[in-house]
Amino acid sequence: MTSYRKGCNTYEELLEYEKESHKARHRDGDKCRLCGVSRWPHTGGASIITHHLDYKSNKANNLITLCESCHSKLHWRARKLRKSFVGPQ
């Protein structure tokens, strides 16, 4: 089976994810929900991505928009927190 990006297993799932991702970006005004930076290239700001709150759904209500900086910090903190409970992996 081919694995598509964003955790999608089919091309149809990928298209649905892209549609829901667009909805989330529009809902959030193409801004990072944590720091408020605007989307590049419209204002010369950072690149904005959609992040899953959990990996059970690709629906817009399970996605938030983050700049690359905040997204990296969020994953770094999650790894650090996980290590504090389960130890290094």
PDB file of N, CA and C in Angstrom:
ATOM      1  N   MET A   1       0.839  -1.173   0.000  1.00  0.00           N
ATOM      2  CA  MET A   1       0.000   0.000   0.000  1.00  0.00           C
ATOM      3  C   MET A   1       0.889   1.244   0.000  1.00  0.00           C
ATOM      4  N   THR A   2       0.508   2.212  -0.809  1.00  0.00           N
ATOM      5  CA  THR A   2       1.230   3.476  -0.859  1.00  0.00           C
ATOM      6  C   THR A   2       0.834   4.341   0.327  1.00  0.00           C
ATOM      7  N   SER A   3       1.821   4.945   0.962  1.00  0.00           N
ATOM      8  CA  SER A   3       1.537   5.851   2.069  1.00  0.00           C
ATOM      9  C   SER A   3       1.730   7.279   1.582  1.00  0.00           C
ATOM     10  N   TYR A   4       0.684   8.066   1.651  1.00  0.00           N
ATOM     11  CA  TYR A   4       0.752   9.458   1.254  1.00  0.00           C
ATOM     12  C   TYR A   4       1.168  10.311   2.444  1.00  0.00           C
ATOM     13  N   ARG A   5       1.557  11.533   2.187  1.00  0.00           N
ATOM     14  CA  ARG A   5       1.992  12.416   3.271  1.00  0.00           C
ATOM     15  C   ARG A   5       0.841  12.754   4.204  1.00  0.00           C
ATOM     16  N   LYS A   6       1.162  13.329   5.331  1.00  0.00           N
ATOM     17  CA  LYS A   6       0.208  13.743   6.359  1.00  0.00           C
ATOM     18  C   LYS A   6      -0.551  12.562   6.943  1.00  0.00           C
ATOM     19  N   GLY A   7       0.043  11.383   6.920  1.00  0.00           N
ATOM     20  CA  GLY A   7      -0.591  10.221   7.527  1.00  0.00           C
ATOM     21  C   GLY A   7      -1.739   9.656   6.726  1.00  0.00           C
ATOM     22  N   CYS A   8      -1.889  10.083   5.491  1.00  0.00           N
ATOM     23  CA  CYS A   8      -2.987   9.598   4.654  1.00  0.00           C
ATOM     24  C   CYS A   8      -2.567   8.327   3.920  1.00  0.00           C
ATOM     25  N   ASN A   9      -3.467   7.355   3.881  1.00  0.00           N
ATOM     26  CA  ASN A   9      -3.173   6.084   3.222  1.00  0.00           C
ATOM     27  C   ASN A   9      -3.633   6.026   1.778  1.00  0.00           C
ATOM     28  N   THR A  10      -4.521   6.936   1.384  1.00  0.00           N
ATOM     29  CA  THR A  10      -5.009   6.963   0.004  1.00  0.00           C
ATOM     30  C   THR A  10      -4.937   8.385  -0.526  1.00  0.00           C
ATOM     31  N   TYR A  11      -4.989   8.492  -1.829  1.00  0.00           N
ATOM     32  CA  TYR A  11      -4.988   9.808  -2.457  1.00  0.00           C
ATOM     33  C   TYR A  11      -6.245  10.586  -2.063  1.00  0.00           C
ATOM     34  N   GLU A  12      -7.359   9.883  -1.934  1.00  0.00           N
ATOM     35  CA  GLU A  12      -8.612  10.524  -1.532  1.00  0.00           C
ATOM     36  C   GLU A  12      -8.495  11.103  -0.118  1.00  0.00           C
ATOM     37  N   GLU A  13      -7.849  10.367   0.789  1.00  0.00           N
ATOM     38  CA  GLU A  13      -7.625  10.874   2.147  1.00  0.00           C
ATOM     39  C   GLU A  13      -6.747  12.123   2.116  1.00  0.00           C
ATOM     40  N   LEU A  14      -5.753  12.127   1.259  1.00  0.00           N
ATOM     41  CA  LEU A  14      -4.870  13.291   1.129  1.00  0.00           C
ATOM     42  C   LEU A  14      -5.653  14.500   0.635  1.00  0.00           C
ATOM     43  N   LEU A  15      -6.517  14.303  -0.371  1.00  0.00           N
ATOM     44  CA  LEU A  15      -7.342  15.404  -0.877  1.00  0.00           C
ATOM     45  C   LEU A  15      -8.266  15.934   0.211  1.00  0.00           C
ATOM     46  N   GLU A  16      -8.856  15.034   1.000  1.00  0.00           N
ATOM     47  CA  GLU A  16      -9.730  15.444   2.101  1.00  0.00           C
ATOM     48  C   GLU A  16      -8.943  16.218   3.153  1.00  0.00           C
ATOM     49  N   TYR A  17      -7.736  15.751   3.470  1.00  0.00           N
ATOM     50  CA  TYR A  17      -6.888  16.466   4.432  1.00  0.00           C
ATOM     51  C   TYR A  17      -6.588  17.883   3.934  1.00  0.00           C
ATOM     52  N   GLU A  18      -6.209  18.006   2.668  1.00  0.00           N
ATOM     53  CA  GLU A  18      -5.886  19.320   2.111  1.00  0.00           C
ATOM     54  C   GLU A  18      -7.091  20.252   2.186  1.00  0.00           C
ATOM     55  N   LYS A  19      -8.289  19.729   1.925  1.00  0.00           N
ATOM     56  CA  LYS A  19      -9.519  20.527   2.013  1.00  0.00           C
ATOM     57  C   LYS A  19      -9.763  20.991   3.455  1.00  0.00           C
ATOM     58  N   GLU A  20      -9.620  20.084   4.405  1.00  0.00           N
ATOM     59  CA  GLU A  20      -9.832  20.421   5.816  1.00  0.00           C
ATOM     60  C   GLU A  20      -8.738  21.354   6.332  1.00  0.00           C
ATOM     61  N   SER A  21      -7.520  21.165   5.856  1.00  0.00           N
ATOM     62  CA  SER A  21      -6.404  22.032   6.232  1.00  0.00           C
ATOM     63  C   SER A  21      -6.675  23.467   5.762  1.00  0.00           C
ATOM     64  N   HIS A  22      -7.191  23.592   4.560  1.00  0.00           N
ATOM     65  CA  HIS A  22      -7.535  24.915   4.031  1.00  0.00           C
ATOM     66  C   HIS A  22      -8.618  25.561   4.897  1.00  0.00           C
ATOM     67  N   LYS A  23      -9.614  24.784   5.305  1.00  0.00           N
ATOM     68  CA  LYS A  23     -10.674  25.304   6.181  1.00  0.00           C
ATOM     69  C   LYS A  23     -10.086  25.820   7.494  1.00  0.00           C
ATOM     70  N   ALA A  24      -9.171  25.056   8.078  1.00  0.00           N
ATOM     71  CA  ALA A  24      -8.557  25.449   9.353  1.00  0.00           C
ATOM     72  C   ALA A  24      -7.740  26.724   9.192  1.00  0.00           C
ATOM     73  N   ARG A  25      -6.965  26.813   8.103  1.00  0.00           N
ATOM     74  CA  ARG A  25      -6.163  28.022   7.868  1.00  0.00           C
ATOM     75  C   ARG A  25      -7.062  29.238   7.678  1.00  0.00           C
ATOM     76  N   HIS A  26      -8.152  29.064   6.948  1.00  0.00           N
ATOM     77  CA  HIS A  26      -9.100  30.161   6.731  1.00  0.00           C
ATOM     78  C   HIS A  26      -9.754  30.567   8.060  1.00  0.00           C
ATOM     79  N   ARG A  27     -10.185  29.576   8.847  1.00  0.00           N
ATOM     80  CA  ARG A  27     -10.805  29.830  10.152  1.00  0.00           C
ATOM     81  C   ARG A  27      -9.874  30.639  11.056  1.00  0.00           C
ATOM     82  N   ASP A  28      -8.591  30.292  11.026  1.00  0.00           N
ATOM     83  CA  ASP A  28      -7.605  30.933  11.901  1.00  0.00           C
ATOM     84  C   ASP A  28      -6.988  32.192  11.285  1.00  0.00           C
ATOM     85  N   GLY A  29      -7.510  32.610  10.135  1.00  0.00           N
ATOM     86  CA  GLY A  29      -7.017  33.834   9.509  1.00  0.00           C
ATOM     87  C   GLY A  29      -5.596  33.728   9.003  1.00  0.00           C
ATOM     88  N   ASP A  30      -5.158  32.503   8.654  1.00  0.00           N
ATOM     89  CA  ASP A  30      -3.783  32.272   8.184  1.00  0.00           C
ATOM     90  C   ASP A  30      -2.753  32.841   9.154  1.00  0.00           C
ATOM     91  N   LYS A  31      -3.043  32.687  10.459  1.00  0.00           N
ATOM     92  CA  LYS A  31      -2.117  33.156  11.499  1.00  0.00           C
ATOM     93  C   LYS A  31      -1.829  32.012  12.464  1.00  0.00           C
ATOM     94  N   CYS A  32      -0.665  32.072  13.076  1.00  0.00           N
ATOM     95  CA  CYS A  32      -0.302  31.111  14.105  1.00  0.00           C
ATOM     96  C   CYS A  32      -1.204  31.317  15.312  1.00  0.00           C
ATOM     97  N   ARG A  33      -1.800  30.239  15.794  1.00  0.00           N
ATOM     98  CA  ARG A  33      -2.708  30.337  16.938  1.00  0.00           C
ATOM     99  C   ARG A  33      -1.967  30.620  18.239  1.00  0.00           C
ATOM    100  N   LEU A  34      -0.661  30.386  18.278  1.00  0.00           N
ATOM    101  CA  LEU A  34       0.094  30.627  19.501  1.00  0.00           C
ATOM    102  C   LEU A  34       0.710  32.023  19.553  1.00  0.00           C
ATOM    103  N   CYS A  35       1.379  32.430  18.493  1.00  0.00           N
ATOM    104  CA  CYS A  35       2.076  33.721  18.545  1.00  0.00           C
ATOM    105  C   CYS A  35       1.444  34.799  17.665  1.00  0.00           C
ATOM    106  N   GLY A  36       0.538  34.412  16.768  1.00  0.00           N
ATOM    107  CA  GLY A  36      -0.170  35.386  15.949  1.00  0.00           C
ATOM    108  C   GLY A  36       0.527  35.851  14.689  1.00  0.00           C
ATOM    109  N   VAL A  37       1.695  35.274  14.372  1.00  0.00           N
ATOM    110  CA  VAL A  37       2.407  35.689  13.165  1.00  0.00           C
ATOM    111  C   VAL A  37       1.544  35.366  11.936  1.00  0.00           C
ATOM    112  N   SER A  38       1.604  36.252  10.926  1.00  0.00           N
ATOM    113  CA  SER A  38       0.813  36.089   9.711  1.00  0.00           C
ATOM    114  C   SER A  38       1.470  35.143   8.721  1.00  0.00           C
ATOM    115  N   ARG A  39       0.659  34.670   7.817  1.00  0.00           N
ATOM    116  CA  ARG A  39       1.114  33.684   6.833  1.00  0.00           C
ATOM    117  C   ARG A  39       1.982  34.320   5.751  1.00  0.00           C
ATOM    118  N   TRP A  40       3.057  33.621   5.413  1.00  0.00           N
ATOM    119  CA  TRP A  40       3.892  33.965   4.263  1.00  0.00           C
ATOM    120  C   TRP A  40       3.216  33.401   3.038  1.00  0.00           C
ATOM    121  N   PRO A  41       3.243  33.965   1.856  1.00  0.00           N
ATOM    122  CA  PRO A  41       3.956  35.185   1.475  1.00  0.00           C
ATOM    123  C   PRO A  41       3.095  36.433   1.543  1.00  0.00           C
ATOM    124  N   HIS A  42       1.869  36.310   2.001  1.00  0.00           N
ATOM    125  CA  HIS A  42       0.935  37.439   1.978  1.00  0.00           C
ATOM    126  C   HIS A  42       1.473  38.670   2.691  1.00  0.00           C
ATOM    127  N   THR A  43       2.143  38.492   3.805  1.00  0.00           N
ATOM    128  CA  THR A  43       2.638  39.647   4.566  1.00  0.00           C
ATOM    129  C   THR A  43       4.133  39.561   4.830  1.00  0.00           C
ATOM    130  N   GLY A  44       4.789  38.616   4.193  1.00  0.00           N
ATOM    131  CA  GLY A  44       6.210  38.454   4.439  1.00  0.00           C
ATOM    132  C   GLY A  44       6.497  37.755   5.754  1.00  0.00           C
ATOM    133  N   GLY A  45       5.459  37.174   6.363  1.00  0.00           N
ATOM    134  CA  GLY A  45       5.625  36.473   7.634  1.00  0.00           C
ATOM    135  C   GLY A  45       6.107  35.049   7.441  1.00  0.00           C
ATOM    136  N   ALA A  46       6.001  34.284   8.482  1.00  0.00           N
ATOM    137  CA  ALA A  46       6.481  32.909   8.487  1.00  0.00           C
ATOM    138  C   ALA A  46       5.544  31.985   7.722  1.00  0.00           C
ATOM    139  N   SER A  47       6.038  30.811   7.417  1.00  0.00           N
ATOM    140  CA  SER A  47       5.218  29.779   6.811  1.00  0.00           C
ATOM    141  C   SER A  47       4.260  29.230   7.872  1.00  0.00           C
ATOM    142  N   ILE A  48       2.991  29.080   7.513  1.00  0.00           N
ATOM    143  CA  ILE A  48       1.981  28.578   8.430  1.00  0.00           C
ATOM    144  C   ILE A  48       1.612  27.156   8.026  1.00  0.00           C
ATOM    145  N   ILE A  49       1.563  26.255   9.004  1.00  0.00           N
ATOM    146  CA  ILE A  49       1.201  24.865   8.753  1.00  0.00           C
ATOM    147  C   ILE A  49       0.016  24.485   9.636  1.00  0.00           C
ATOM    148  N   THR A  50      -0.614  23.384   9.310  1.00  0.00           N
ATOM    149  CA  THR A  50      -1.681  22.878  10.169  1.00  0.00           C
ATOM    150  C   THR A  50      -1.131  21.726  10.991  1.00  0.00           C
ATOM    151  N   HIS A  51      -1.489  21.706  12.253  1.00  0.00           N
ATOM    152  CA  HIS A  51      -1.011  20.694  13.198  1.00  0.00           C
ATOM    153  C   HIS A  51      -2.217  19.946  13.763  1.00  0.00           C
ATOM    154  N   HIS A  52      -2.107  18.621  13.834  1.00  0.00           N
ATOM    155  CA  HIS A  52      -3.170  17.802  14.424  1.00  0.00           C
ATOM    156  C   HIS A  52      -3.165  17.943  15.945  1.00  0.00           C
ATOM    157  N   LEU A  53      -4.338  18.142  16.525  1.00  0.00           N
ATOM    158  CA  LEU A  53      -4.455  18.121  17.981  1.00  0.00           C
ATOM    159  C   LEU A  53      -4.285  16.685  18.468  1.00  0.00           C
ATOM    160  N   ASP A  54      -4.858  15.743  17.739  1.00  0.00           N
ATOM    161  CA  ASP A  54      -4.575  14.325  17.915  1.00  0.00           C
ATOM    162  C   ASP A  54      -4.587  13.707  16.522  1.00  0.00           C
ATOM    163  N   TYR A  55      -4.118  12.501  16.409  1.00  0.00           N
ATOM    164  CA  TYR A  55      -3.978  11.912  15.071  1.00  0.00           C
ATOM    165  C   TYR A  55      -5.132  10.985  14.717  1.00  0.00           C
ATOM    166  N   LYS A  56      -6.298  11.222  15.314  1.00  0.00           N
ATOM    167  CA  LYS A  56      -7.466  10.396  15.041  1.00  0.00           C
ATOM    168  C   LYS A  56      -8.303  10.943  13.896  1.00  0.00           C
ATOM    169  N   SER A  57      -8.107  12.208  13.548  1.00  0.00           N
ATOM    170  CA  SER A  57      -8.971  12.836  12.554  1.00  0.00           C
ATOM    171  C   SER A  57      -8.232  13.903  11.770  1.00  0.00           C
ATOM    172  N   ASN A  58      -8.568  14.017  10.496  1.00  0.00           N
ATOM    173  CA  ASN A  58      -8.030  15.079   9.648  1.00  0.00           C
ATOM    174  C   ASN A  58      -9.029  16.213   9.480  1.00  0.00           C
ATOM    175  N   LYS A  59     -10.091  16.248  10.274  1.00  0.00           N
ATOM    176  CA  LYS A  59     -11.116  17.281  10.162  1.00  0.00           C
ATOM    177  C   LYS A  59     -10.585  18.616  10.703  1.00  0.00           C
ATOM    178  N   ALA A  60     -11.125  19.715  10.169  1.00  0.00           N
ATOM    179  CA  ALA A  60     -10.664  21.059  10.538  1.00  0.00           C
ATOM    180  C   ALA A  60     -10.756  21.315  12.037  1.00  0.00           C
ATOM    181  N   ASN A  61     -11.764  20.734  12.708  1.00  0.00           N
ATOM    182  CA  ASN A  61     -11.885  20.976  14.152  1.00  0.00           C
ATOM    183  C   ASN A  61     -10.816  20.242  14.961  1.00  0.00           C
ATOM    184  N   ASN A  62      -9.998  19.441  14.301  1.00  0.00           N
ATOM    185  CA  ASN A  62      -8.890  18.744  14.953  1.00  0.00           C
ATOM    186  C   ASN A  62      -7.538  19.312  14.493  1.00  0.00           C
ATOM    187  N   LEU A  63      -7.574  20.421  13.758  1.00  0.00           N
ATOM    188  CA  LEU A  63      -6.361  21.034  13.231  1.00  0.00           C
ATOM    189  C   LEU A  63      -6.240  22.463  13.751  1.00  0.00           C
ATOM    190  N   ILE A  64      -5.011  22.884  14.049  1.00  0.00           N
ATOM    191  CA  ILE A  64      -4.744  24.284  14.381  1.00  0.00           C
ATOM    192  C   ILE A  64      -3.609  24.769  13.496  1.00  0.00           C
ATOM    193  N   THR A  65      -3.573  26.066  13.270  1.00  0.00           N
ATOM    194  CA  THR A  65      -2.502  26.635  12.461  1.00  0.00           C
ATOM    195  C   THR A  65      -1.386  27.119  13.377  1.00  0.00           C
ATOM    196  N   LEU A  66      -0.171  26.788  12.970  1.00  0.00           N
ATOM    197  CA  LEU A  66       1.016  27.184  13.725  1.00  0.00           C
ATOM    198  C   LEU A  66       2.095  27.643  12.756  1.00  0.00           C
ATOM    199  N   CYS A  67       2.920  28.593  13.187  1.00  0.00           N
ATOM    200  CA  CYS A  67       4.107  28.937  12.403  1.00  0.00           C
ATOM    201  C   CYS A  67       5.137  27.822  12.638  1.00  0.00           C
ATOM    202  N   GLU A  68       6.136  27.756  11.797  1.00  0.00           N
ATOM    203  CA  GLU A  68       7.140  26.702  11.929  1.00  0.00           C
ATOM    204  C   GLU A  68       7.859  26.749  13.271  1.00  0.00           C
ATOM    205  N   SER A  69       8.104  27.963  13.772  1.00  0.00           N
ATOM    206  CA  SER A  69       8.802  28.105  15.041  1.00  0.00           C
ATOM    207  C   SER A  69       7.981  27.515  16.195  1.00  0.00           C
ATOM    208  N   CYS A  70       6.707  27.903  16.286  1.00  0.00           N
ATOM    209  CA  CYS A  70       5.853  27.393  17.365  1.00  0.00           C
ATOM    210  C   CYS A  70       5.616  25.890  17.216  1.00  0.00           C
ATOM    211  N   HIS A  71       5.501  25.418  15.976  1.00  0.00           N
ATOM    212  CA  HIS A  71       5.309  23.986  15.745  1.00  0.00           C
ATOM    213  C   HIS A  71       6.513  23.196  16.259  1.00  0.00           C
ATOM    214  N   SER A  72       7.707  23.691  15.967  1.00  0.00           N
ATOM    215  CA  SER A  72       8.924  23.020  16.453  1.00  0.00           C
ATOM    216  C   SER A  72       8.983  23.015  17.973  1.00  0.00           C
ATOM    217  N   LYS A  73       8.661  24.159  18.586  1.00  0.00           N
ATOM    218  CA  LYS A  73       8.671  24.253  20.044  1.00  0.00           C
ATOM    219  C   LYS A  73       7.659  23.297  20.665  1.00  0.00           C
ATOM    220  N   LEU A  74       6.484  23.198  20.051  1.00  0.00           N
ATOM    221  CA  LEU A  74       5.443  22.315  20.564  1.00  0.00           C
ATOM    222  C   LEU A  74       5.916  20.856  20.555  1.00  0.00           C
ATOM    223  N   HIS A  75       6.529  20.426  19.445  1.00  0.00           N
ATOM    224  CA  HIS A  75       7.023  19.049  19.371  1.00  0.00           C
ATOM    225  C   HIS A  75       8.194  18.826  20.327  1.00  0.00           C
ATOM    226  N   TRP A  76       9.059  19.823  20.479  1.00  0.00           N
ATOM    227  CA  TRP A  76      10.190  19.696  21.403  1.00  0.00           C
ATOM    228  C   TRP A  76       9.681  19.519  22.828  1.00  0.00           C
ATOM    229  N   ARG A  77       8.692  20.329  23.214  1.00  0.00           N
ATOM    230  CA  ARG A  77       8.130  20.219  24.564  1.00  0.00           C
ATOM    231  C   ARG A  77       7.428  18.883  24.764  1.00  0.00           C
ATOM    232  N   ALA A  78       6.731  18.406  23.743  1.00  0.00           N
ATOM    233  CA  ALA A  78       6.028  17.117  23.846  1.00  0.00           C
ATOM    234  C   ALA A  78       7.036  15.989  24.046  1.00  0.00           C
ATOM    235  N   ARG A  79       8.151  16.008  23.297  1.00  0.00           N
ATOM    236  CA  ARG A  79       9.183  14.972  23.454  1.00  0.00           C
ATOM    237  C   ARG A  79       9.797  15.047  24.849  1.00  0.00           C
ATOM    238  N   LYS A  80      10.073  16.266  25.319  1.00  0.00           N
ATOM    239  CA  LYS A  80      10.660  16.451  26.645  1.00  0.00           C
ATOM    240  C   LYS A  80       9.702  15.943  27.728  1.00  0.00           C
ATOM    241  N   LEU A  81       8.424  16.258  27.603  1.00  0.00           N
ATOM    242  CA  LEU A  81       7.426  15.809  28.569  1.00  0.00           C
ATOM    243  C   LEU A  81       7.314  14.282  28.555  1.00  0.00           C
ATOM    244  N   ARG A  82       7.279  13.703  27.350  1.00  0.00           N
ATOM    245  CA  ARG A  82       7.194  12.249  27.219  1.00  0.00           C
ATOM    246  C   ARG A  82       8.386  11.577  27.899  1.00  0.00           C
ATOM    247  N   LYS A  83       9.580  12.128  27.680  1.00  0.00           N
ATOM    248  CA  LYS A  83      10.794  11.555  28.306  1.00  0.00           C
ATOM    249  C   LYS A  83      10.743  11.633  29.813  1.00  0.00           C
ATOM    250  N   SER A  84      10.123  12.684  30.348  1.00  0.00           N
ATOM    251  CA  SER A  84      10.070  12.818  31.797  1.00  0.00           C
ATOM    252  C   SER A  84       9.161  11.762  32.426  1.00  0.00           C
ATOM    253  N   PHE A  85       8.232  11.219  31.644  1.00  0.00           N
ATOM    254  CA  PHE A  85       7.338  10.184  32.167  1.00  0.00           C
ATOM    255  C   PHE A  85       7.797   8.771  31.842  1.00  0.00           C
ATOM    256  N   VAL A  86       8.375   8.589  30.653  1.00  0.00           N
ATOM    257  CA  VAL A  86       8.767   7.236  30.245  1.00  0.00           C
ATOM    258  C   VAL A  86      10.255   7.048  30.086  1.00  0.00           C
ATOM    259  N   GLY A  87      11.017   8.091  30.138  1.00  0.00           N
ATOM    260  CA  GLY A  87      12.456   7.984  29.969  1.00  0.00           C
ATOM    261  C   GLY A  87      12.837   8.045  28.496  1.00  0.00           C
ATOM    262  N   PRO A  88      14.128   8.132  28.214  1.00  0.00           N
ATOM    263  CA  PRO A  88      14.595   8.216  26.817  1.00  0.00           C
ATOM    264  C   PRO A  88      14.204   6.972  26.040  1.00  0.00           C
ATOM    265  N   GLN A  89      13.927   7.199  24.741  1.00  0.00           N
ATOM    266  CA  GLN A  89      13.526   6.062  23.902  1.00  0.00           C
ATOM    267  C   GLN A  89      14.546   5.755  22.850  1.00  0.00           C
TER     268      GLN A  89
END
